Amino acid sequence: MTDILQHRETGVLTLTFNRLERKNSINVAMYGVLAEAFEQAAGDAQTRAVVIQGHETVFSAGNDIADFLSRPKDQESPAFRFLRAIAACPKPVLAAVCGPAVGVGTTMLLHCDLIYAGDNAAFSMPFVNLGLCPEAASSLLLPRLFGYHRAAEALLLGEPFLAEAALEVGLVNRVVAPAECSALAQAQARKLAAKPLASLMATKQLMKGAQQDVVRCQMDEEGATFARLLTAPAAREAMTAFMEKRKPDFSNL
């Protein structure tokens, strides 16, 4: 079974997480597929918009911890390649998010242009809880979007916030019933695909261009810090505890 489904129709590329038995957690192979898809979409004249989605019950549980422990991320990994590719995508990127969106399941959304959420969506970025730090330039983009104090609450505590809160702070465009979420994202993507591509790309570049270099630099700084923390005892304790289904003990760390 393919863990990332790809479908192209009327100028819209749809990427679907298809690993429901693991709550759509993302492994190295999946990151590679996603990175390649976004890189190809950037230069493909037939691709005019990209939609990324999961299932009505779960968007993504984030990194596959078992896979992560055996093949951790660094700045040359497929995970960072994907994050750079989605951040740099010149075409409109949409997301349909239902159920949990954990870690990278939330941070990747900061690089989407339109986001539609099911009313069961729950966003969380528990990096500190895993002994790590934010990724995908979220330490830069989240305070700009949420304001510092709300961003600090989301990143330092790592607790979930729900769809209506995401709508209030501007992370998502609209909240609908889960059964309607994918159809809405597809309808909006088709509207975009029918517009002049050069105008869409120019408008996106004008909105995002000024911050692109800063975003790349922040991703690099986060990546270096992430790699350093990944080898520290706190991260290993957190991930081992997760695999052993117990509460981590940071009392001496």
Protein backbone atom coordinates (compact mmCIF):
# COMPACT_ATOMS: atom_id res chain seq x y z
CA MET A 1 0.00 0.00 0.00
CA THR A 2 1.23 3.48 -0.90
CA ASP A 3 1.57 5.70 2.16
CA ILE A 4 1.28 8.90 0.10
CA LEU A 5 -1.45 8.86 -2.56
CA GLN A 6 -1.01 11.24 -5.50
CA HIS A 7 -3.88 12.31 -7.73
CA ARG A 8 -3.85 14.88 -10.54
CA GLU A 9 -6.99 16.36 -12.01
CA THR A 10 -7.80 19.70 -13.69
CA GLY A 11 -4.49 21.21 -12.68
CA VAL A 12 -4.73 20.16 -9.02
CA LEU A 13 -2.21 17.78 -7.44
CA THR A 14 -3.66 16.12 -4.32
CA LEU A 15 -1.29 14.46 -1.84
CA THR A 16 -3.06 12.24 0.70
CA PHE A 17 -1.52 10.70 3.80
CA ASN A 18 -2.56 7.04 3.58
CA ARG A 19 -1.13 5.38 6.65
CA LEU A 20 -4.18 5.33 8.84
CA GLU A 21 -3.07 2.32 10.88
CA ARG A 22 -0.20 4.51 12.17
CA LYS A 23 -2.32 7.67 12.41
CA ASN A 24 -0.64 8.98 9.26
CA SER A 25 2.68 9.34 11.05
CA ILE A 26 5.36 10.29 8.54
CA ASN A 27 8.47 8.20 7.96
CA VAL A 28 11.59 8.90 5.91
CA ALA A 29 10.22 7.30 2.75
CA MET A 30 7.06 9.41 2.94
CA TYR A 31 9.08 12.60 3.40
CA GLY A 32 11.02 11.68 0.27
CA VAL A 33 7.83 11.22 -1.75
CA LEU A 34 6.41 14.53 -0.48
CA ALA A 35 9.63 16.40 -1.23
CA GLU A 36 9.82 15.05 -4.76
CA ALA A 37 6.13 15.81 -5.38
CA PHE A 38 6.52 19.44 -4.31
CA GLU A 39 9.76 19.87 -6.25
CA GLN A 40 8.14 18.51 -9.40
CA ALA A 41 4.98 20.56 -8.91
CA ALA A 42 7.06 23.74 -8.71
CA GLY A 43 8.32 23.28 -12.26
CA ASP A 44 5.35 21.51 -13.83
CA ALA A 45 3.23 23.88 -15.93
CA GLN A 46 0.28 21.48 -15.69
CA THR A 47 0.21 21.67 -11.89
CA ARG A 48 -1.51 24.87 -10.86
CA ALA A 49 -2.34 24.11 -7.20
CA VAL A 50 -1.43 21.49 -4.60
CA VAL A 51 -3.72 20.07 -1.90
CA ILE A 52 -2.37 18.10 1.06
CA GLN A 53 -4.81 16.12 3.20
CA GLY A 54 -5.22 13.18 5.53
CA HIS A 55 -8.30 11.26 6.67
CA GLU A 56 -11.50 12.64 8.19
CA THR A 57 -10.33 11.29 11.57
CA VAL A 58 -6.63 12.25 11.51
CA PHE A 59 -4.42 14.54 9.48
CA SER A 60 -1.03 13.36 10.78
CA ALA A 61 0.42 12.25 14.09
CA GLY A 62 3.72 13.81 13.04
CA ASN A 63 7.00 11.97 12.83
CA ASP A 64 7.03 8.20 13.06
CA ILE A 65 8.99 7.95 16.31
CA ALA A 66 10.31 4.41 15.71
CA ASP A 67 11.55 5.39 12.26
CA PHE A 68 12.85 8.65 13.68
CA LEU A 69 14.92 6.87 16.34
CA SER A 70 16.55 4.58 13.79
CA ARG A 71 17.08 7.32 11.19
CA PRO A 72 16.95 10.71 12.89
CA LYS A 73 16.47 13.93 10.96
CA ASP A 74 19.30 16.25 10.03
CA GLN A 75 19.45 19.13 7.61
CA GLU A 76 20.20 16.80 4.69
CA SER A 77 17.36 14.41 5.46
CA PRO A 78 14.20 13.96 3.35
CA ALA A 79 12.23 15.65 6.15
CA PHE A 80 14.11 18.93 5.79
CA ARG A 81 14.07 18.55 2.01
CA PHE A 82 10.27 18.39 2.19
CA LEU A 83 10.02 21.40 4.51
CA ARG A 84 12.23 23.46 2.22
CA ALA A 85 10.19 22.34 -0.82
CA ILE A 86 6.78 23.21 0.65
CA ALA A 87 8.10 26.55 1.92
CA ALA A 88 9.48 27.42 -1.52
CA CYS A 89 6.55 26.13 -3.61
CA PRO A 90 5.57 28.94 -6.01
CA LYS A 91 2.09 27.50 -6.67
CA PRO A 92 -0.86 27.82 -4.26
CA VAL A 93 -0.78 25.14 -1.55
CA LEU A 94 -3.98 24.18 0.27
CA ALA A 95 -4.58 21.84 3.18
CA ALA A 96 -7.62 19.95 4.46
CA VAL A 97 -7.05 19.14 8.13
CA CYS A 98 -9.27 16.88 10.22
CA GLY A 99 -8.46 15.27 13.56
CA PRO A 100 -5.00 15.48 15.14
CA ALA A 101 -2.24 17.45 13.41
CA VAL A 102 0.82 16.86 15.58
CA GLY A 103 4.29 18.37 15.27
CA VAL A 104 5.16 18.64 11.61
CA GLY A 105 1.47 18.00 10.96
CA THR A 106 0.95 21.55 12.22
CA THR A 107 4.20 23.27 11.27
CA MET A 108 3.90 22.36 7.58
CA LEU A 109 0.62 24.29 7.55
CA LEU A 110 2.51 27.54 8.15
CA HIS A 111 3.70 27.22 4.54
CA CYS A 112 0.25 26.62 3.06
CA ASP A 113 -1.78 29.41 1.49
CA LEU A 114 -5.31 28.22 2.31
CA ILE A 115 -6.22 25.85 5.16
CA TYR A 116 -9.62 24.31 5.81
CA ALA A 117 -10.21 22.44 9.06
CA GLY A 118 -12.74 19.95 10.23
CA ASP A 119 -14.40 20.85 13.51
CA ASN A 120 -12.59 17.84 15.00
CA ALA A 121 -9.14 19.22 14.18
CA ALA A 122 -6.62 19.46 17.02
CA PHE A 123 -3.26 21.13 16.44
CA SER A 124 -0.19 20.61 18.61
CA MET A 125 3.56 21.20 18.50
CA PRO A 126 5.00 19.16 21.40
CA PHE A 127 8.67 19.63 20.49
CA VAL A 128 9.76 20.76 23.96
CA ASN A 129 7.97 17.75 25.46
CA LEU A 130 10.22 15.55 23.29
CA GLY A 131 13.38 17.38 24.35
CA LEU A 132 13.57 19.11 20.97
CA CYS A 133 12.92 22.55 19.47
CA PRO A 134 10.56 23.93 16.81
CA GLU A 135 11.06 23.21 13.11
CA ALA A 136 9.90 24.51 9.70
CA ALA A 137 10.62 28.12 10.78
CA SER A 138 7.70 27.85 13.21
CA SER A 139 9.72 29.71 15.86
CA LEU A 140 9.65 32.68 13.47
CA LEU A 141 6.28 32.33 11.76
CA LEU A 142 4.13 31.34 14.72
CA PRO A 143 4.80 34.50 16.82
CA ARG A 144 4.10 36.60 13.73
CA LEU A 145 0.78 34.85 13.19
CA PHE A 146 -0.39 34.23 16.76
CA GLY A 147 1.38 37.02 18.63
CA TYR A 148 4.25 36.20 20.96
CA HIS A 149 2.32 35.07 24.03
CA ARG A 150 -0.04 32.71 22.23
CA ALA A 151 2.88 31.31 20.25
CA ALA A 152 4.82 30.80 23.48
CA GLU A 153 1.87 28.92 24.96
CA ALA A 154 1.67 26.67 21.90
CA LEU A 155 5.41 26.00 21.62
CA LEU A 156 6.53 25.95 25.27
CA LEU A 157 3.61 23.93 26.66
CA GLY A 158 2.99 21.91 23.51
CA GLU A 159 -0.66 21.42 24.36
CA PRO A 160 -3.33 20.92 21.66
CA PHE A 161 -5.56 23.75 20.51
CA LEU A 162 -8.75 23.13 18.60
CA ALA A 163 -10.15 24.24 15.26
CA GLU A 164 -12.05 27.28 16.53
CA ALA A 165 -8.93 28.59 18.29
CA ALA A 166 -6.96 28.03 15.08
CA LEU A 167 -9.57 30.03 13.20
CA GLU A 168 -9.43 32.85 15.75
CA VAL A 169 -5.65 33.28 15.39
CA GLY A 170 -5.72 32.99 11.60
CA LEU A 171 -4.08 29.59 11.16
CA VAL A 172 -7.09 28.27 9.23
CA ASN A 173 -9.48 29.93 6.79
CA ARG A 174 -12.67 28.08 7.63
CA VAL A 175 -13.99 25.34 9.93
CA VAL A 176 -16.49 22.83 8.55
CA ALA A 177 -17.79 19.36 9.31
CA PRO A 178 -15.06 16.74 8.72
CA ALA A 179 -17.06 15.12 5.93
CA GLU A 180 -17.05 18.46 4.06
CA CYS A 181 -13.42 19.43 4.56
CA SER A 182 -11.70 17.68 1.65
CA ALA A 183 -14.45 18.67 -0.81
CA LEU A 184 -14.13 22.31 0.22
CA ALA A 185 -10.34 22.28 -0.25
CA GLN A 186 -10.77 20.63 -3.65
CA ALA A 187 -13.38 23.17 -4.73
CA GLN A 188 -11.13 26.06 -3.72
CA ALA A 189 -8.15 24.46 -5.48
CA ARG A 190 -10.16 24.12 -8.70
CA LYS A 191 -11.09 27.81 -8.47
CA LEU A 192 -7.40 28.68 -8.19
CA ALA A 193 -6.42 26.31 -11.01
CA ALA A 194 -8.83 28.14 -13.33
CA LYS A 195 -7.09 31.48 -12.75
CA PRO A 196 -4.03 32.80 -14.65
CA LEU A 197 -1.08 30.88 -13.23
CA ALA A 198 1.40 33.70 -13.74
CA SER A 199 -0.81 36.05 -11.73
CA LEU A 200 -1.27 33.51 -8.93
CA MET A 201 2.47 32.91 -8.67
CA ALA A 202 3.32 36.61 -8.85
CA THR A 203 0.81 37.43 -6.11
CA LYS A 204 2.11 34.67 -3.84
CA GLN A 205 5.69 35.80 -4.44
CA LEU A 206 4.80 39.40 -3.60
CA MET A 207 3.13 38.32 -0.35
CA LYS A 208 5.87 35.91 0.73
CA GLY A 209 8.98 37.14 -1.07
CA ALA A 210 10.24 39.52 1.58
CA GLN A 211 10.38 36.81 4.23
CA GLN A 212 11.66 33.88 2.16
CA ASP A 213 15.35 34.42 2.92
CA VAL A 214 14.57 34.90 6.61
CA VAL A 215 12.48 31.71 6.64
CA ARG A 216 15.32 29.73 5.05
CA CYS A 217 17.80 31.09 7.59
CA GLN A 218 15.46 30.28 10.47
CA MET A 219 14.96 26.74 9.16
CA ASP A 220 18.74 26.28 9.06
CA GLU A 221 19.18 27.63 12.60
CA GLU A 222 16.34 25.47 13.91
CA GLY A 223 17.78 22.46 12.08
CA ALA A 224 21.20 22.88 13.67
CA THR A 225 19.65 23.24 17.13
CA PHE A 226 17.29 20.33 16.50
CA ALA A 227 20.20 18.07 15.51
CA ARG A 228 22.15 19.05 18.64
CA LEU A 229 19.19 18.47 20.97
CA LEU A 230 18.40 15.18 19.26
CA THR A 231 21.60 13.64 20.62
CA ALA A 232 21.02 14.99 24.14
CA PRO A 233 19.70 12.77 26.95
CA ALA A 234 16.31 14.54 27.21
CA ALA A 235 15.29 13.68 23.64
CA ARG A 236 16.37 10.07 24.00
CA GLU A 237 14.47 9.75 27.29
CA ALA A 238 11.35 11.32 25.78
CA MET A 239 11.33 9.12 22.71
CA THR A 240 12.22 5.95 24.58
CA ALA A 241 9.41 6.68 27.05
CA PHE A 242 7.02 7.19 24.14
CA MET A 243 7.96 3.82 22.66
CA GLU A 244 7.67 2.16 26.09
CA LYS A 245 4.29 3.88 26.71
CA ARG A 246 5.40 5.51 29.94
CA LYS A 247 5.80 9.05 31.24
CA PRO A 248 9.28 10.47 30.61
CA ASP A 249 11.46 11.36 33.59
CA PHE A 250 13.29 14.66 33.11
CA SER A 251 14.05 15.16 36.80
CA ASN A 252 17.82 14.92 36.29
CA LEU A 253 17.96 16.48 32.83
